[in-house]
Protein backbone atom coordinates (compact mmCIF):
# COMPACT_ATOMS: atom_id res chain seq x y z
CA MET A 1 -15.29 -22.57 -9.07
CA THR A 2 -18.83 -24.22 -10.51
CA PRO A 3 -21.26 -21.38 -12.03
CA PRO A 4 -24.32 -20.33 -9.73
CA ALA A 5 -27.03 -22.76 -10.00
CA ASP A 6 -29.52 -19.70 -10.39
CA LEU A 7 -27.40 -16.62 -12.28
CA GLY A 8 -29.98 -14.31 -12.43
CA ARG A 9 -30.86 -14.66 -8.67
CA GLU A 10 -27.24 -14.55 -7.77
CA GLN A 11 -26.92 -11.09 -9.84
CA ARG A 12 -30.25 -9.87 -8.26
CA GLY A 13 -28.39 -10.46 -4.45
CA VAL A 14 -25.13 -8.31 -5.66
CA VAL A 15 -27.85 -6.08 -6.95
CA ARG A 16 -29.35 -5.38 -3.74
CA GLY A 17 -25.52 -5.49 -1.74
CA ALA A 18 -23.81 -3.04 -3.89
CA ALA A 19 -27.63 -0.85 -3.63
CA LEU A 20 -27.13 -0.67 -0.07
CA ALA A 21 -23.25 -0.38 -0.12
CA ALA A 22 -23.60 2.91 -2.33
CA ALA A 23 -26.27 4.16 -0.17
CA VAL A 24 -24.59 3.68 3.54
CA SER A 25 -21.22 5.22 1.78
CA LEU A 26 -23.47 7.86 0.36
CA ILE A 27 -25.16 8.42 4.45
CA VAL A 28 -21.33 8.15 6.04
CA ILE A 29 -19.89 10.71 3.39
CA LEU A 30 -22.63 13.25 3.89
CA ALA A 31 -21.70 12.65 7.65
CA GLY A 32 -18.07 13.54 7.77
CA TRP A 33 -18.71 15.91 5.09
CA LEU A 34 -21.82 17.85 7.80
CA SER A 35 -19.45 17.06 10.43
CA ARG A 36 -16.95 20.07 9.36
CA ASP A 37 -14.27 20.36 12.14
CA THR A 38 -15.61 18.58 15.14
CA ILE A 39 -14.28 14.57 13.49
CA VAL A 40 -11.52 15.96 12.84
CA ALA A 41 -9.81 19.67 13.17
CA ARG A 42 -9.63 22.31 10.59
CA SER A 43 -6.43 22.97 9.41
CA ASP A 44 -5.48 25.12 6.82
CA ASP A 45 -2.34 23.87 6.07
CA PRO A 46 -2.38 21.48 3.19
CA LEU A 47 1.13 19.80 3.96
CA ALA A 48 -0.57 18.82 7.85
CA ARG A 49 -3.83 17.69 5.91
CA LEU A 50 -1.35 15.58 4.00
CA LEU A 51 0.10 13.86 6.81
CA LEU A 52 -3.32 13.20 8.93
CA ALA A 53 -4.67 11.13 5.56
CA LEU A 54 -1.62 9.44 5.55
CA ARG A 55 -2.15 8.79 9.68
CA LEU A 56 -6.08 7.82 8.91
CA ASP A 57 -4.69 5.70 5.82
CA LEU A 58 -2.32 3.29 8.55
CA ALA A 59 -6.00 1.72 8.53
CA LEU A 60 -6.17 0.59 4.90
CA LEU A 61 -2.79 -0.44 5.54
CA ALA A 62 -3.42 -2.80 8.46
CA CYS A 63 -6.24 -4.44 6.47
CA LEU A 64 -3.70 -5.27 4.02
CA PHE A 65 -1.60 -6.98 6.34
CA VAL A 66 -4.26 -9.01 8.05
CA ALA A 67 -5.12 -10.25 4.34
CA ILE A 68 -1.29 -10.97 4.16
CA GLY A 69 -1.31 -12.59 7.94
CA ARG A 70 -4.45 -14.67 6.59
CA VAL A 71 -2.34 -16.25 3.80
CA ALA A 72 0.65 -16.89 5.47
CA HIS A 73 -1.50 -18.82 8.24
CA GLY A 74 -3.04 -20.75 5.91
CA ARG A 75 -0.25 -21.66 4.35
CA TYR A 76 2.26 -22.46 7.34
CA THR A 77 -1.01 -24.63 8.87
CA SER A 78 -2.03 -27.06 5.76
CA ALA A 79 0.17 -29.79 4.49
CA GLU A 80 -1.18 -28.99 0.96
CA ASP A 81 0.24 -25.42 0.77
CA ILE A 82 3.46 -25.10 3.16
CA GLY A 83 5.99 -25.80 -0.09
CA GLY A 84 4.35 -21.88 -0.69
CA GLY A 85 2.63 -20.15 -3.79
CA ALA A 86 4.58 -22.07 -5.70
CA ALA A 87 3.46 -25.39 -5.29
CA PRO A 88 1.46 -27.43 -7.90
CA THR A 89 -1.67 -27.59 -5.87
CA GLU A 90 -3.91 -25.20 -3.51
CA SER A 91 -6.06 -25.76 -1.32
CA ALA A 92 -9.71 -23.84 -1.11
CA PRO A 93 -8.84 -21.59 1.96
CA VAL A 94 -5.67 -20.45 0.63
CA ARG A 95 -7.18 -19.88 -2.67
CA GLU A 96 -9.37 -17.54 -1.37
CA GLY A 97 -7.39 -15.95 1.11
CA ARG A 98 -5.45 -14.85 -2.01
CA ALA A 99 -8.67 -14.10 -3.82
CA GLN A 100 -9.21 -11.56 -0.97
CA LEU A 101 -5.79 -10.63 -0.67
CA GLN A 102 -5.44 -9.79 -4.29
CA ASN A 103 -8.85 -7.60 -4.45
CA THR A 104 -7.25 -5.62 -0.77
CA LEU A 105 -4.42 -4.64 -2.06
CA GLU A 106 -6.54 -3.66 -5.79
CA GLN A 107 -8.39 -1.40 -2.89
CA VAL A 108 -5.39 -0.30 -1.06
CA VAL A 109 -3.97 0.83 -4.71
CA LEU A 110 -6.75 2.99 -5.70
CA ALA A 111 -7.45 4.43 -2.40
CA LEU A 112 -4.70 5.73 -1.02
CA PRO A 113 -3.30 8.01 -3.57
CA ALA A 114 -7.13 9.27 -3.62
CA HIS A 115 -7.29 9.82 -0.12
CA LEU A 116 -4.01 11.60 -0.35
CA ALA A 117 -5.37 14.18 -2.95
CA LEU A 118 -8.56 14.77 -1.39
CA ALA A 119 -7.31 15.49 1.39
CA THR A 120 -4.84 18.36 0.15
CA LEU A 121 -8.20 19.79 -2.22
CA LEU A 122 -11.17 19.37 0.40
CA PRO A 123 -11.95 22.74 1.94
CA PRO A 124 -10.20 23.00 5.78
CA ASP A 125 -12.86 22.05 7.36
CA ARG A 126 -14.34 18.85 6.49
CA MET A 127 -11.27 16.96 6.72
CA GLY A 128 -14.32 14.43 8.31
CA VAL A 129 -14.58 13.34 4.80
CA ILE A 130 -11.43 11.48 4.88
CA ALA A 131 -12.12 10.18 8.15
CA ALA A 132 -15.37 8.62 6.85
CA LEU A 133 -13.52 7.35 3.76
CA VAL A 134 -11.08 5.42 5.90
CA LEU A 135 -14.22 3.96 8.41
CA LEU A 136 -16.35 2.93 4.99
CA PHE A 137 -12.70 1.13 3.64
CA VAL A 138 -12.82 -0.90 7.04
CA ALA A 139 -15.99 -1.82 7.58
CA GLY A 140 -15.73 -2.80 3.87
CA ARG A 141 -13.20 -5.17 3.57
CA ILE A 142 -14.51 -6.40 6.77
CA ALA A 143 -17.56 -6.87 5.32
CA PHE A 144 -16.31 -8.37 2.00
CA THR A 145 -13.93 -11.00 3.79
CA ARG A 146 -17.08 -12.34 5.94
CA GLY A 147 -19.36 -12.68 3.22
CA TYR A 148 -16.46 -13.98 0.51
CA ALA A 149 -17.61 -18.02 1.18
CA ARG A 150 -21.18 -17.11 0.12
CA GLY A 151 -20.28 -15.91 -2.99
CA GLY A 152 -21.06 -12.90 -5.04
CA PRO A 153 -24.34 -11.72 -3.51
CA GLY A 154 -22.23 -12.10 -0.13
CA ARG A 155 -19.10 -10.26 -1.50
CA ALA A 156 -21.15 -7.41 -2.97
CA PHE A 157 -21.59 -5.09 -0.15
CA GLY A 158 -17.61 -5.10 1.40
CA PHE A 159 -17.15 -4.76 -2.44
CA GLY A 160 -19.36 -1.89 -2.52
CA LEU A 161 -18.57 -0.53 0.78
CA THR A 162 -14.49 -0.11 -0.79
CA PHE A 163 -14.84 0.71 -3.45
CA TYR A 164 -17.89 3.26 -3.93
CA PRO A 165 -16.15 5.63 -1.68
CA THR A 166 -12.85 5.52 -3.12
CA ALA A 167 -14.79 5.83 -6.48
CA ALA A 168 -16.28 8.84 -5.26
CA ALA A 169 -13.07 10.35 -3.48
CA LEU A 170 -10.81 10.42 -7.29
CA LEU A 171 -14.23 11.80 -8.99
CA ALA A 172 -14.07 14.61 -6.43
CA ALA A 173 -10.38 14.81 -6.38
CA ALA A 174 -10.30 15.26 -10.06
CA ALA A 175 -13.20 17.88 -9.66
CA LEU A 176 -11.66 19.48 -7.14
CA ALA A 177 -8.50 20.04 -8.87
CA ILE A 178 -9.69 21.14 -12.31
CA GLY A 179 -11.03 23.86 -10.50
CA ASN A 180 -8.47 24.92 -8.71
């Protein structure tokens, strides 16, 4: 990959995308919190909340499934790539797909346990937060994929929309766990 012609401009684009993602994340998570039990039914049973989070998090696995499928399809339809990952060369579309798959896998590995931990620690009427986190994750993966070809500034919003809510969930779960 060649370096950008204007690194400063690229960095400013990344900062703008990341800042917008942080603002959108804050608004959506706050809406999930304020929804109380209107979006997701209240449950005083920690196991029921855990099971709900697992069901909602199937959407994260769907994102991973799509990313795997895109790489597989790219390899299947390319003479250069049909040999698989061990082939000596790789086309740009498959290389991009693998990079997106790698990032999606990393995000799922962080988000899934964060959501599960938070689901057991949130007040029973605040499970809308988990729904908000899942919504942001899926929207973030879509934005990341659509913006990927435009470089760092194109990816920043989608990356932030996926990563910042997960980071917030991890911090909130840790704070709630320490507080309990």
